[in-house]
N, C-alpha and C. Protein backbone atom coordinates (compact mmCIF):
# COMPACT_ATOMS: atom_id res chain seq x y z
N MET A 1 109.52 -46.66 -56.22
CA MET A 1 109.31 -46.46 -57.66
C MET A 1 110.52 -45.72 -58.22
N SER A 2 111.06 -46.22 -59.31
CA SER A 2 112.22 -45.58 -59.90
C SER A 2 111.78 -44.64 -61.02
N LYS A 3 112.32 -43.40 -60.95
CA LYS A 3 111.89 -42.34 -61.86
C LYS A 3 113.11 -41.64 -62.46
N LEU A 4 112.96 -41.20 -63.70
CA LEU A 4 114.05 -40.51 -64.41
C LEU A 4 113.51 -39.23 -65.02
N VAL A 5 114.26 -38.13 -64.86
CA VAL A 5 113.95 -36.89 -65.56
C VAL A 5 115.10 -36.61 -66.53
N ILE A 6 114.75 -36.30 -67.77
CA ILE A 6 115.74 -35.96 -68.80
C ILE A 6 115.51 -34.51 -69.19
N LEU A 7 116.57 -33.70 -69.12
CA LEU A 7 116.48 -32.28 -69.45
C LEU A 7 116.91 -32.03 -70.89
N PHE A 8 116.04 -31.36 -71.64
CA PHE A 8 116.30 -30.98 -73.03
C PHE A 8 116.37 -29.45 -73.08
N PRO A 9 117.57 -28.86 -73.03
CA PRO A 9 117.66 -27.39 -73.03
C PRO A 9 117.36 -26.80 -74.40
N GLY A 10 117.33 -25.47 -74.42
CA GLY A 10 117.16 -24.77 -75.69
C GLY A 10 118.53 -24.36 -76.23
N ILE A 11 118.52 -23.59 -77.30
CA ILE A 11 119.77 -23.02 -77.83
C ILE A 11 119.99 -21.72 -77.05
N GLY A 12 121.07 -21.66 -76.31
CA GLY A 12 121.34 -20.46 -75.52
C GLY A 12 120.62 -20.44 -74.19
N TYR A 13 119.81 -21.44 -73.92
CA TYR A 13 119.13 -21.55 -72.62
C TYR A 13 119.51 -22.91 -72.05
N ASN A 14 120.61 -22.91 -71.27
CA ASN A 14 121.14 -24.17 -70.77
C ASN A 14 120.47 -24.61 -69.47
N CYS A 15 120.92 -25.70 -68.93
CA CYS A 15 120.28 -26.30 -67.76
C CYS A 15 120.56 -25.55 -66.46
N ASP A 16 121.43 -24.55 -66.51
CA ASP A 16 121.70 -23.74 -65.32
C ASP A 16 120.84 -22.48 -65.28
N LYS A 17 120.05 -22.24 -66.30
CA LYS A 17 119.16 -21.07 -66.29
C LYS A 17 117.89 -21.41 -65.51
N PRO A 18 117.18 -20.38 -65.04
CA PRO A 18 116.15 -20.58 -64.01
C PRO A 18 115.11 -21.67 -64.24
N LEU A 19 114.48 -21.71 -65.39
CA LEU A 19 113.39 -22.67 -65.59
C LEU A 19 113.89 -24.11 -65.46
N LEU A 20 114.98 -24.43 -66.13
CA LEU A 20 115.49 -25.80 -66.07
C LEU A 20 116.21 -26.09 -64.76
N TYR A 21 116.89 -25.10 -64.21
CA TYR A 21 117.59 -25.29 -62.94
C TYR A 21 116.60 -25.64 -61.82
N TYR A 22 115.56 -24.82 -61.68
CA TYR A 22 114.60 -25.07 -60.60
C TYR A 22 113.66 -26.23 -60.93
N GLY A 23 113.35 -26.40 -62.21
CA GLY A 23 112.55 -27.57 -62.60
C GLY A 23 113.27 -28.86 -62.25
N ARG A 24 114.56 -28.88 -62.49
CA ARG A 24 115.38 -30.05 -62.15
C ARG A 24 115.41 -30.27 -60.64
N LYS A 25 115.59 -29.18 -59.88
CA LYS A 25 115.62 -29.29 -58.42
C LYS A 25 114.31 -29.89 -57.90
N LEU A 26 113.20 -29.43 -58.44
CA LEU A 26 111.89 -29.96 -58.01
C LEU A 26 111.79 -31.45 -58.33
N ALA A 27 112.22 -31.83 -59.52
CA ALA A 27 112.16 -33.23 -59.92
C ALA A 27 113.01 -34.09 -58.99
N GLU A 28 114.21 -33.59 -58.66
CA GLU A 28 115.08 -34.35 -57.76
C GLU A 28 114.45 -34.50 -56.38
N GLN A 29 113.76 -33.45 -55.91
CA GLN A 29 113.07 -33.52 -54.63
C GLN A 29 111.95 -34.56 -54.65
N GLU A 30 111.39 -34.78 -55.83
CA GLU A 30 110.31 -35.77 -55.98
C GLU A 30 110.85 -37.17 -56.27
N GLY A 31 112.17 -37.32 -56.19
CA GLY A 31 112.78 -38.64 -56.30
C GLY A 31 113.20 -39.07 -57.69
N TYR A 32 113.28 -38.12 -58.62
CA TYR A 32 113.72 -38.43 -59.97
C TYR A 32 115.25 -38.46 -60.05
N GLU A 33 115.78 -39.48 -60.68
CA GLU A 33 117.18 -39.49 -61.09
C GLU A 33 117.27 -38.53 -62.28
N CYS A 34 118.38 -37.80 -62.41
CA CYS A 34 118.45 -36.77 -63.43
C CYS A 34 119.50 -37.04 -64.50
N LYS A 35 119.14 -36.75 -65.74
CA LYS A 35 120.08 -36.83 -66.86
C LYS A 35 119.85 -35.60 -67.73
N ALA A 36 120.88 -34.78 -67.88
CA ALA A 36 120.80 -33.59 -68.74
C ALA A 36 121.45 -33.91 -70.08
N ILE A 37 120.89 -33.36 -71.14
CA ILE A 37 121.41 -33.56 -72.49
C ILE A 37 122.26 -32.34 -72.86
N PRO A 38 123.59 -32.46 -72.83
CA PRO A 38 124.45 -31.31 -73.10
C PRO A 38 124.76 -31.13 -74.59
N TYR A 39 123.72 -31.14 -75.43
CA TYR A 39 124.00 -30.97 -76.85
C TYR A 39 124.41 -29.53 -77.14
N VAL A 40 125.08 -29.34 -78.25
CA VAL A 40 125.51 -28.00 -78.66
C VAL A 40 125.18 -27.81 -80.13
N TYR A 41 124.86 -26.57 -80.47
CA TYR A 41 124.60 -26.26 -81.87
C TYR A 41 125.65 -25.26 -82.33
N ASP A 42 126.49 -25.69 -83.28
CA ASP A 42 127.57 -24.81 -83.73
C ASP A 42 127.26 -24.18 -85.10
N GLY A 43 126.01 -24.31 -85.52
CA GLY A 43 125.61 -23.66 -86.77
C GLY A 43 125.21 -22.23 -86.52
N ASP A 44 124.61 -21.61 -87.51
CA ASP A 44 124.15 -20.22 -87.40
C ASP A 44 123.02 -20.16 -86.39
N ALA A 45 123.26 -19.45 -85.29
CA ALA A 45 122.28 -19.39 -84.20
C ALA A 45 121.12 -18.44 -84.50
N ARG A 46 121.19 -17.72 -85.61
CA ARG A 46 120.10 -16.79 -85.94
C ARG A 46 118.98 -17.58 -86.64
N ILE A 47 118.30 -18.39 -85.85
CA ILE A 47 117.31 -19.29 -86.44
C ILE A 47 115.87 -18.81 -86.29
N ARG A 48 115.66 -17.81 -85.42
CA ARG A 48 114.29 -17.37 -85.17
C ARG A 48 113.63 -16.86 -86.45
N GLY A 49 112.51 -17.45 -86.77
CA GLY A 49 111.76 -17.04 -87.96
C GLY A 49 112.29 -17.61 -89.26
N ASP A 50 113.34 -18.39 -89.22
CA ASP A 50 113.93 -18.98 -90.42
C ASP A 50 113.72 -20.49 -90.40
N ARG A 51 112.77 -20.96 -91.16
CA ARG A 51 112.38 -22.38 -91.12
C ARG A 51 113.54 -23.31 -91.49
N GLU A 52 114.34 -22.90 -92.47
CA GLU A 52 115.45 -23.76 -92.91
C GLU A 52 116.52 -23.88 -91.83
N ARG A 53 116.87 -22.75 -91.23
CA ARG A 53 117.86 -22.79 -90.15
C ARG A 53 117.32 -23.55 -88.93
N MET A 54 116.04 -23.36 -88.66
CA MET A 54 115.42 -24.08 -87.54
C MET A 54 115.47 -25.59 -87.79
N LYS A 55 115.21 -25.98 -89.02
CA LYS A 55 115.25 -27.40 -89.38
C LYS A 55 116.65 -27.98 -89.18
N LYS A 56 117.67 -27.23 -89.63
CA LYS A 56 119.05 -27.69 -89.47
C LYS A 56 119.42 -27.81 -87.99
N ALA A 57 119.02 -26.82 -87.20
CA ALA A 57 119.31 -26.86 -85.76
C ALA A 57 118.62 -28.06 -85.13
N PHE A 58 117.35 -28.26 -85.47
CA PHE A 58 116.60 -29.41 -84.93
C PHE A 58 117.29 -30.72 -85.27
N GLU A 59 117.66 -30.89 -86.53
CA GLU A 59 118.28 -32.15 -86.97
C GLU A 59 119.60 -32.41 -86.24
N SER A 60 120.40 -31.37 -86.08
CA SER A 60 121.67 -31.50 -85.39
C SER A 60 121.48 -31.87 -83.92
N LEU A 61 120.61 -31.14 -83.24
CA LEU A 61 120.39 -31.37 -81.82
C LEU A 61 119.67 -32.69 -81.58
N TYR A 62 118.75 -33.03 -82.46
CA TYR A 62 118.02 -34.29 -82.30
C TYR A 62 118.99 -35.48 -82.41
N ALA A 63 119.87 -35.42 -83.39
CA ALA A 63 120.84 -36.51 -83.58
C ALA A 63 121.73 -36.66 -82.35
N GLN A 64 122.15 -35.54 -81.79
CA GLN A 64 122.98 -35.59 -80.57
C GLN A 64 122.19 -36.18 -79.40
N ALA A 65 120.95 -35.73 -79.23
CA ALA A 65 120.12 -36.23 -78.12
C ALA A 65 119.88 -37.72 -78.26
N ALA A 66 119.55 -38.17 -79.47
CA ALA A 66 119.28 -39.59 -79.69
C ALA A 66 120.52 -40.43 -79.37
N GLU A 67 121.69 -39.92 -79.75
CA GLU A 67 122.95 -40.63 -79.46
C GLU A 67 123.19 -40.69 -77.95
N MET A 68 123.00 -39.57 -77.27
CA MET A 68 123.25 -39.51 -75.82
C MET A 68 122.26 -40.36 -75.03
N LEU A 69 121.07 -40.56 -75.59
CA LEU A 69 120.04 -41.32 -74.87
C LEU A 69 119.96 -42.77 -75.31
N SER A 70 120.81 -43.17 -76.24
CA SER A 70 120.71 -44.51 -76.81
C SER A 70 120.91 -45.62 -75.78
N GLY A 71 121.62 -45.31 -74.69
CA GLY A 71 121.88 -46.35 -73.70
C GLY A 71 120.88 -46.40 -72.55
N VAL A 72 119.88 -45.51 -72.58
CA VAL A 72 118.90 -45.48 -71.49
C VAL A 72 118.02 -46.73 -71.56
N GLU A 73 117.93 -47.44 -70.47
CA GLU A 73 117.08 -48.62 -70.39
C GLU A 73 115.77 -48.22 -69.72
N TYR A 74 114.78 -47.90 -70.53
CA TYR A 74 113.52 -47.38 -70.01
C TYR A 74 112.78 -48.40 -69.15
N GLY A 75 113.07 -49.68 -69.38
CA GLY A 75 112.40 -50.73 -68.63
C GLY A 75 112.72 -50.73 -67.15
N GLN A 76 113.79 -50.04 -66.74
CA GLN A 76 114.13 -50.01 -65.32
C GLN A 76 113.41 -48.89 -64.58
N TYR A 77 112.61 -48.09 -65.32
CA TYR A 77 111.88 -46.98 -64.70
C TYR A 77 110.37 -47.20 -64.82
N GLU A 78 109.67 -46.73 -63.83
CA GLU A 78 108.21 -46.73 -63.90
C GLU A 78 107.70 -45.42 -64.48
N GLU A 79 108.55 -44.38 -64.34
CA GLU A 79 108.13 -43.06 -64.80
C GLU A 79 109.32 -42.30 -65.36
N VAL A 80 109.13 -41.68 -66.53
CA VAL A 80 110.16 -40.84 -67.13
C VAL A 80 109.52 -39.49 -67.45
N LEU A 81 110.23 -38.42 -67.09
CA LEU A 81 109.77 -37.06 -67.34
C LEU A 81 110.74 -36.39 -68.29
N PHE A 82 110.22 -35.83 -69.38
CA PHE A 82 111.02 -35.00 -70.28
C PHE A 82 110.76 -33.55 -69.90
N LEU A 83 111.77 -32.89 -69.37
CA LEU A 83 111.69 -31.49 -68.94
C LEU A 83 112.43 -30.68 -70.00
N SER A 84 111.71 -29.83 -70.74
CA SER A 84 112.31 -29.23 -71.92
C SER A 84 112.02 -27.74 -72.05
N LYS A 85 112.88 -27.07 -72.81
CA LYS A 85 112.77 -25.62 -73.02
C LYS A 85 112.97 -25.29 -74.48
N SER A 86 112.05 -24.49 -75.05
CA SER A 86 112.18 -23.94 -76.39
C SER A 86 112.34 -25.03 -77.45
N VAL A 87 113.42 -24.98 -78.24
CA VAL A 87 113.63 -26.01 -79.27
C VAL A 87 113.77 -27.39 -78.61
N GLY A 88 114.18 -27.41 -77.34
CA GLY A 88 114.23 -28.67 -76.61
C GLY A 88 112.87 -29.33 -76.48
N THR A 89 111.79 -28.52 -76.49
CA THR A 89 110.45 -29.11 -76.43
C THR A 89 110.13 -29.86 -77.72
N VAL A 90 110.64 -29.35 -78.84
CA VAL A 90 110.43 -30.03 -80.12
C VAL A 90 111.20 -31.35 -80.13
N ILE A 91 112.45 -31.30 -79.67
CA ILE A 91 113.29 -32.49 -79.65
C ILE A 91 112.69 -33.55 -78.71
N ALA A 92 112.28 -33.12 -77.53
CA ALA A 92 111.70 -34.05 -76.55
C ALA A 92 110.43 -34.70 -77.10
N ALA A 93 109.55 -33.90 -77.70
CA ALA A 93 108.30 -34.44 -78.24
C ALA A 93 108.56 -35.39 -79.40
N ALA A 94 109.51 -35.01 -80.28
CA ALA A 94 109.84 -35.87 -81.42
C ALA A 94 110.48 -37.17 -80.96
N TYR A 95 111.34 -37.08 -79.96
CA TYR A 95 112.02 -38.28 -79.46
C TYR A 95 111.02 -39.22 -78.77
N ALA A 96 110.11 -38.66 -78.00
CA ALA A 96 109.09 -39.48 -77.34
C ALA A 96 108.22 -40.19 -78.38
N LYS A 97 107.88 -39.46 -79.44
CA LYS A 97 107.05 -40.07 -80.49
C LYS A 97 107.81 -41.22 -81.17
N GLU A 98 109.10 -41.02 -81.42
CA GLU A 98 109.90 -42.08 -82.03
C GLU A 98 109.97 -43.31 -81.11
N LEU A 99 110.16 -43.08 -79.82
CA LEU A 99 110.20 -44.20 -78.87
C LEU A 99 108.88 -44.98 -78.89
N ARG A 100 107.76 -44.25 -78.93
CA ARG A 100 106.45 -44.90 -78.96
C ARG A 100 106.29 -45.72 -80.24
N GLU A 101 106.63 -45.08 -81.37
CA GLU A 101 106.41 -45.74 -82.66
C GLU A 101 107.30 -46.96 -82.85
N LYS A 102 108.50 -46.94 -82.28
CA LYS A 102 109.41 -48.08 -82.40
C LYS A 102 109.17 -49.14 -81.33
N GLY A 103 108.22 -48.87 -80.43
CA GLY A 103 107.90 -49.84 -79.39
C GLY A 103 109.02 -50.01 -78.37
N ILE A 104 109.82 -48.97 -78.18
CA ILE A 104 110.96 -49.05 -77.27
C ILE A 104 110.51 -48.88 -75.81
N LEU A 105 109.43 -48.15 -75.60
CA LEU A 105 108.98 -47.90 -74.24
C LEU A 105 108.33 -49.14 -73.64
N PRO A 106 108.50 -49.33 -72.33
CA PRO A 106 107.85 -50.47 -71.67
C PRO A 106 106.33 -50.35 -71.77
N GLY A 107 105.65 -51.41 -71.47
CA GLY A 107 104.19 -51.43 -71.59
C GLY A 107 103.50 -50.95 -70.33
N ALA A 108 102.55 -51.72 -69.86
CA ALA A 108 101.72 -51.35 -68.71
C ALA A 108 102.57 -50.98 -67.51
N GLY A 109 102.13 -49.95 -66.82
CA GLY A 109 102.84 -49.53 -65.62
C GLY A 109 103.88 -48.46 -65.86
N PHE A 110 104.21 -48.20 -67.14
CA PHE A 110 105.21 -47.19 -67.46
C PHE A 110 104.50 -45.89 -67.86
N TRP A 111 105.08 -44.76 -67.44
CA TRP A 111 104.46 -43.46 -67.69
C TRP A 111 105.52 -42.47 -68.17
N LEU A 112 105.33 -41.90 -69.36
CA LEU A 112 106.21 -40.86 -69.90
C LEU A 112 105.43 -39.56 -69.94
N ARG A 113 106.00 -38.52 -69.34
CA ARG A 113 105.33 -37.21 -69.28
C ARG A 113 106.26 -36.10 -69.75
N HIS A 114 105.65 -34.92 -70.02
CA HIS A 114 106.40 -33.76 -70.49
C HIS A 114 106.07 -32.52 -69.68
N VAL A 115 107.10 -31.74 -69.35
CA VAL A 115 106.92 -30.35 -68.94
C VAL A 115 107.54 -29.52 -70.05
N LEU A 116 106.72 -28.70 -70.69
CA LEU A 116 107.13 -27.92 -71.85
C LEU A 116 107.26 -26.45 -71.47
N TYR A 117 108.48 -25.97 -71.30
CA TYR A 117 108.70 -24.56 -71.03
C TYR A 117 108.89 -23.84 -72.36
N THR A 118 108.03 -22.89 -72.64
CA THR A 118 108.01 -22.08 -73.87
C THR A 118 108.09 -22.93 -75.14
N PRO A 119 107.11 -23.83 -75.34
CA PRO A 119 107.12 -24.65 -76.55
C PRO A 119 106.90 -23.82 -77.81
N LEU A 120 107.32 -24.37 -78.93
CA LEU A 120 107.14 -23.74 -80.24
C LEU A 120 105.99 -24.44 -80.97
N GLU A 121 105.53 -23.84 -82.05
CA GLU A 121 104.47 -24.49 -82.82
C GLU A 121 104.90 -25.88 -83.27
N TYR A 122 106.20 -26.01 -83.65
CA TYR A 122 106.71 -27.29 -84.16
C TYR A 122 106.56 -28.42 -83.13
N THR A 123 106.58 -28.07 -81.86
CA THR A 123 106.45 -29.08 -80.80
C THR A 123 105.22 -29.94 -81.00
N PHE A 124 104.14 -29.31 -81.43
CA PHE A 124 102.85 -29.99 -81.49
C PHE A 124 102.68 -30.85 -82.75
N GLN A 125 103.67 -30.78 -83.66
CA GLN A 125 103.67 -31.72 -84.79
C GLN A 125 103.87 -33.15 -84.28
N TYR A 126 104.47 -33.26 -83.09
CA TYR A 126 104.83 -34.58 -82.54
C TYR A 126 103.89 -35.02 -81.41
N GLU A 127 102.84 -34.27 -81.19
CA GLU A 127 101.75 -34.64 -80.28
C GLU A 127 102.23 -35.14 -78.92
N PRO A 128 102.85 -34.26 -78.12
CA PRO A 128 103.33 -34.68 -76.80
C PRO A 128 102.15 -35.14 -75.93
N GLU A 129 102.33 -36.28 -75.30
CA GLU A 129 101.27 -36.84 -74.45
C GLU A 129 101.61 -36.60 -72.99
N ASN A 130 100.56 -36.57 -72.14
CA ASN A 130 100.75 -36.41 -70.69
C ASN A 130 101.64 -35.19 -70.42
N ALA A 131 101.24 -34.05 -70.95
CA ALA A 131 102.09 -32.86 -70.92
C ALA A 131 101.40 -31.68 -70.25
N VAL A 132 102.23 -30.72 -69.84
CA VAL A 132 101.78 -29.41 -69.38
C VAL A 132 102.74 -28.40 -69.97
N GLY A 133 102.24 -27.20 -70.29
CA GLY A 133 103.10 -26.19 -70.92
C GLY A 133 103.00 -24.83 -70.27
N PHE A 134 104.02 -24.00 -70.52
CA PHE A 134 104.12 -22.65 -69.95
C PHE A 134 104.61 -21.72 -71.06
N LEU A 135 103.89 -20.60 -71.28
CA LEU A 135 104.25 -19.72 -72.40
C LEU A 135 103.90 -18.27 -72.08
N GLY A 136 104.80 -17.37 -72.48
CA GLY A 136 104.52 -15.94 -72.36
C GLY A 136 103.71 -15.45 -73.54
N THR A 137 102.85 -14.48 -73.31
CA THR A 137 102.00 -13.96 -74.39
C THR A 137 102.78 -13.05 -75.34
N ALA A 138 104.01 -12.66 -74.95
CA ALA A 138 104.84 -11.82 -75.82
C ALA A 138 106.09 -12.58 -76.28
N ASP A 139 105.97 -13.88 -76.39
CA ASP A 139 107.11 -14.71 -76.81
C ASP A 139 107.38 -14.48 -78.30
N PRO A 140 108.55 -13.94 -78.65
CA PRO A 140 108.83 -13.64 -80.06
C PRO A 140 109.27 -14.86 -80.87
N TRP A 141 109.48 -16.00 -80.21
CA TRP A 141 109.94 -17.20 -80.92
C TRP A 141 108.80 -18.02 -81.50
N CYS A 142 107.59 -17.60 -81.25
CA CYS A 142 106.44 -18.33 -81.78
C CYS A 142 105.28 -17.35 -81.95
N VAL A 143 104.17 -17.86 -82.44
CA VAL A 143 102.92 -17.10 -82.44
C VAL A 143 102.12 -17.67 -81.27
N PRO A 144 102.15 -16.97 -80.12
CA PRO A 144 101.54 -17.53 -78.92
C PRO A 144 100.11 -18.04 -79.11
N GLU A 145 99.31 -17.28 -79.85
CA GLU A 145 97.91 -17.70 -80.07
C GLU A 145 97.85 -19.06 -80.76
N GLU A 146 98.79 -19.30 -81.67
CA GLU A 146 98.83 -20.57 -82.40
C GLU A 146 99.26 -21.71 -81.47
N VAL A 147 100.23 -21.44 -80.61
CA VAL A 147 100.66 -22.46 -79.65
C VAL A 147 99.52 -22.81 -78.71
N PHE A 148 98.83 -21.80 -78.20
CA PHE A 148 97.70 -22.06 -77.31
C PHE A 148 96.61 -22.86 -78.02
N ARG A 149 96.36 -22.53 -79.30
CA ARG A 149 95.34 -23.25 -80.07
C ARG A 149 95.73 -24.73 -80.25
N LEU A 150 96.97 -24.96 -80.67
CA LEU A 150 97.43 -26.33 -80.90
C LEU A 150 97.41 -27.14 -79.60
N ALA A 151 97.85 -26.51 -78.51
CA ALA A 151 97.86 -27.20 -77.22
C ALA A 151 96.44 -27.58 -76.82
N LYS A 152 95.50 -26.68 -77.01
CA LYS A 152 94.11 -26.96 -76.65
C LYS A 152 93.56 -28.12 -77.48
N GLU A 153 93.86 -28.11 -78.78
CA GLU A 153 93.41 -29.19 -79.67
C GLU A 153 93.93 -30.55 -79.21
N GLN A 154 95.15 -30.56 -78.66
CA GLN A 154 95.78 -31.81 -78.26
C GLN A 154 95.60 -32.12 -76.78
N GLY A 155 94.83 -31.29 -76.09
CA GLY A 155 94.55 -31.55 -74.68
C GLY A 155 95.72 -31.31 -73.76
N VAL A 156 96.62 -30.39 -74.16
CA VAL A 156 97.78 -30.06 -73.32
C VAL A 156 97.47 -28.76 -72.56
N PRO A 157 97.32 -28.83 -71.24
CA PRO A 157 97.07 -27.59 -70.47
C PRO A 157 98.25 -26.64 -70.63
N MET A 158 97.95 -25.37 -70.95
CA MET A 158 98.99 -24.36 -71.11
C MET A 158 98.74 -23.22 -70.13
N HIS A 159 99.79 -22.80 -69.45
CA HIS A 159 99.70 -21.68 -68.53
C HIS A 159 100.29 -20.45 -69.21
N ALA A 160 99.50 -19.37 -69.26
CA ALA A 160 99.91 -18.15 -69.96
C ALA A 160 100.46 -17.12 -68.98
N TYR A 161 101.52 -16.43 -69.41
CA TYR A 161 102.14 -15.38 -68.60
C TYR A 161 102.11 -14.08 -69.39
N GLU A 162 101.25 -13.18 -68.94
CA GLU A 162 100.95 -11.95 -69.67
C GLU A 162 102.20 -11.08 -69.85
N GLY A 163 102.49 -10.76 -71.12
CA GLY A 163 103.59 -9.86 -71.44
C GLY A 163 104.97 -10.47 -71.31
N ALA A 164 105.04 -11.77 -71.00
CA ALA A 164 106.35 -12.41 -70.79
C ALA A 164 106.95 -12.86 -72.11
N ASN A 165 108.28 -12.84 -72.16
CA ASN A 165 109.01 -13.19 -73.37
C ASN A 165 109.39 -14.68 -73.40
N HIS A 166 110.40 -15.02 -74.19
CA HIS A 166 110.77 -16.43 -74.38
C HIS A 166 111.47 -17.03 -73.15
N SER A 167 111.88 -16.20 -72.23
CA SER A 167 112.43 -16.69 -70.96
C SER A 167 111.38 -16.59 -69.85
N LEU A 168 110.14 -16.32 -70.23
CA LEU A 168 109.03 -16.08 -69.30
C LEU A 168 109.35 -14.90 -68.38
N GLU A 169 109.93 -13.84 -68.97
CA GLU A 169 110.29 -12.66 -68.21
C GLU A 169 109.72 -11.40 -68.86
N THR A 170 109.58 -10.37 -68.01
CA THR A 170 109.17 -9.04 -68.47
C THR A 170 110.26 -8.06 -68.01
N ALA A 171 109.98 -6.76 -68.11
CA ALA A 171 110.95 -5.75 -67.66
C ALA A 171 110.97 -5.59 -66.14
N ASP A 172 110.01 -6.19 -65.46
CA ASP A 172 109.88 -6.06 -64.00
C ASP A 172 110.51 -7.27 -63.31
N THR A 173 111.68 -7.09 -62.72
CA THR A 173 112.43 -8.19 -62.13
C THR A 173 111.67 -8.87 -61.00
N LEU A 174 111.06 -8.10 -60.11
CA LEU A 174 110.33 -8.72 -59.00
C LEU A 174 109.11 -9.50 -59.51
N ALA A 175 108.47 -8.97 -60.54
CA ALA A 175 107.35 -9.70 -61.14
C ALA A 175 107.85 -11.00 -61.76
N ASN A 176 109.06 -10.98 -62.32
CA ASN A 176 109.64 -12.19 -62.90
C ASN A 176 109.87 -13.26 -61.83
N ILE A 177 110.33 -12.83 -60.66
CA ILE A 177 110.56 -13.77 -59.56
C ILE A 177 109.24 -14.38 -59.11
N ARG A 178 108.20 -13.56 -59.03
CA ARG A 178 106.87 -14.09 -58.67
C ARG A 178 106.36 -15.02 -59.77
N GLY A 179 106.61 -14.66 -61.02
CA GLY A 179 106.20 -15.51 -62.13
C GLY A 179 106.92 -16.85 -62.11
N LEU A 180 108.23 -16.82 -61.83
CA LEU A 180 109.01 -18.05 -61.74
C LEU A 180 108.48 -18.94 -60.61
N ALA A 181 108.13 -18.32 -59.49
CA ALA A 181 107.56 -19.08 -58.37
C ALA A 181 106.24 -19.74 -58.79
N ASP A 182 105.44 -19.04 -59.58
CA ASP A 182 104.18 -19.61 -60.05
C ASP A 182 104.43 -20.79 -60.99
N VAL A 183 105.38 -20.61 -61.91
CA VAL A 183 105.73 -21.70 -62.83
C VAL A 183 106.18 -22.93 -62.06
N MET A 184 107.03 -22.72 -61.06
CA MET A 184 107.56 -23.86 -60.30
C MET A 184 106.50 -24.50 -59.42
N THR A 185 105.58 -23.69 -58.89
CA THR A 185 104.47 -24.24 -58.11
C THR A 185 103.62 -25.16 -58.98
N LYS A 186 103.32 -24.69 -60.19
CA LYS A 186 102.51 -25.50 -61.11
C LYS A 186 103.29 -26.73 -61.61
N THR A 187 104.60 -26.56 -61.80
CA THR A 187 105.44 -27.70 -62.18
C THR A 187 105.41 -28.76 -61.08
N LYS A 188 105.56 -28.32 -59.84
CA LYS A 188 105.55 -29.26 -58.72
C LYS A 188 104.21 -29.99 -58.63
N GLU A 189 103.12 -29.26 -58.82
CA GLU A 189 101.79 -29.88 -58.79
C GLU A 189 101.69 -30.96 -59.87
N PHE A 190 102.23 -30.66 -61.04
CA PHE A 190 102.21 -31.64 -62.13
C PHE A 190 103.04 -32.87 -61.77
N LEU A 191 104.22 -32.65 -61.19
CA LEU A 191 105.09 -33.75 -60.82
C LEU A 191 104.45 -34.64 -59.75
N GLN A 192 103.65 -34.06 -58.90
CA GLN A 192 103.05 -34.80 -57.81
C GLN A 192 101.76 -35.53 -58.19
N LYS A 193 101.27 -35.27 -59.40
CA LYS A 193 100.06 -35.96 -59.85
C LYS A 193 100.32 -37.45 -60.00
N LYS A 194 99.33 -38.22 -59.65
CA LYS A 194 99.41 -39.66 -59.84
C LYS A 194 98.77 -40.02 -61.18
N ARG A 195 99.20 -41.10 -61.73
CA ARG A 195 98.66 -41.54 -63.01
C ARG A 195 97.14 -41.70 -62.91
N GLY A 196 96.44 -41.15 -63.89
CA GLY A 196 94.98 -41.24 -63.91
C GLY A 196 94.28 -40.07 -63.27
N GLU A 197 95.04 -39.16 -62.60
CA GLU A 197 94.42 -37.99 -62.00
C GLU A 197 94.17 -36.90 -63.03
């Protein structure tokens, strides 16, 4: 079975940082071919809490991602995984929705899934399907209670990390390592699920 994982990083959280680095390693161990989206945002990076700046960042990064992915032939894969972080979760969910609506994705036998690391409220405007999420209860980039509510409404299982920030970290380094191990264990379990389970 041929499988592809596409990495959608955040702003300032690239594919070499822990969540995406180890998430990618797990996917590769499960036989996924990997493609990372190296988009860059050169606008004002102070977007937290500013809807207009967030919109501009999204539009810029989305356009870059769509261009970089325009040559992907989804028909050659049975399974595609969007592995995303922060604003990357919004881009991944929006891009998946566009692919569905335009009928670009293959039909029967094809499976598109999402791993959402620290999704934002905006992510759920695009109704990610076949997804799992991970979020800290002290994430300053969103209202965690709202993200958990939206995820529940859409049937997206969310794993909560008490007191963790937008990198799923706290002030306790060893606790962060244990937390990262838990995230990756749950990510691996998700990757190993068969369709219909």
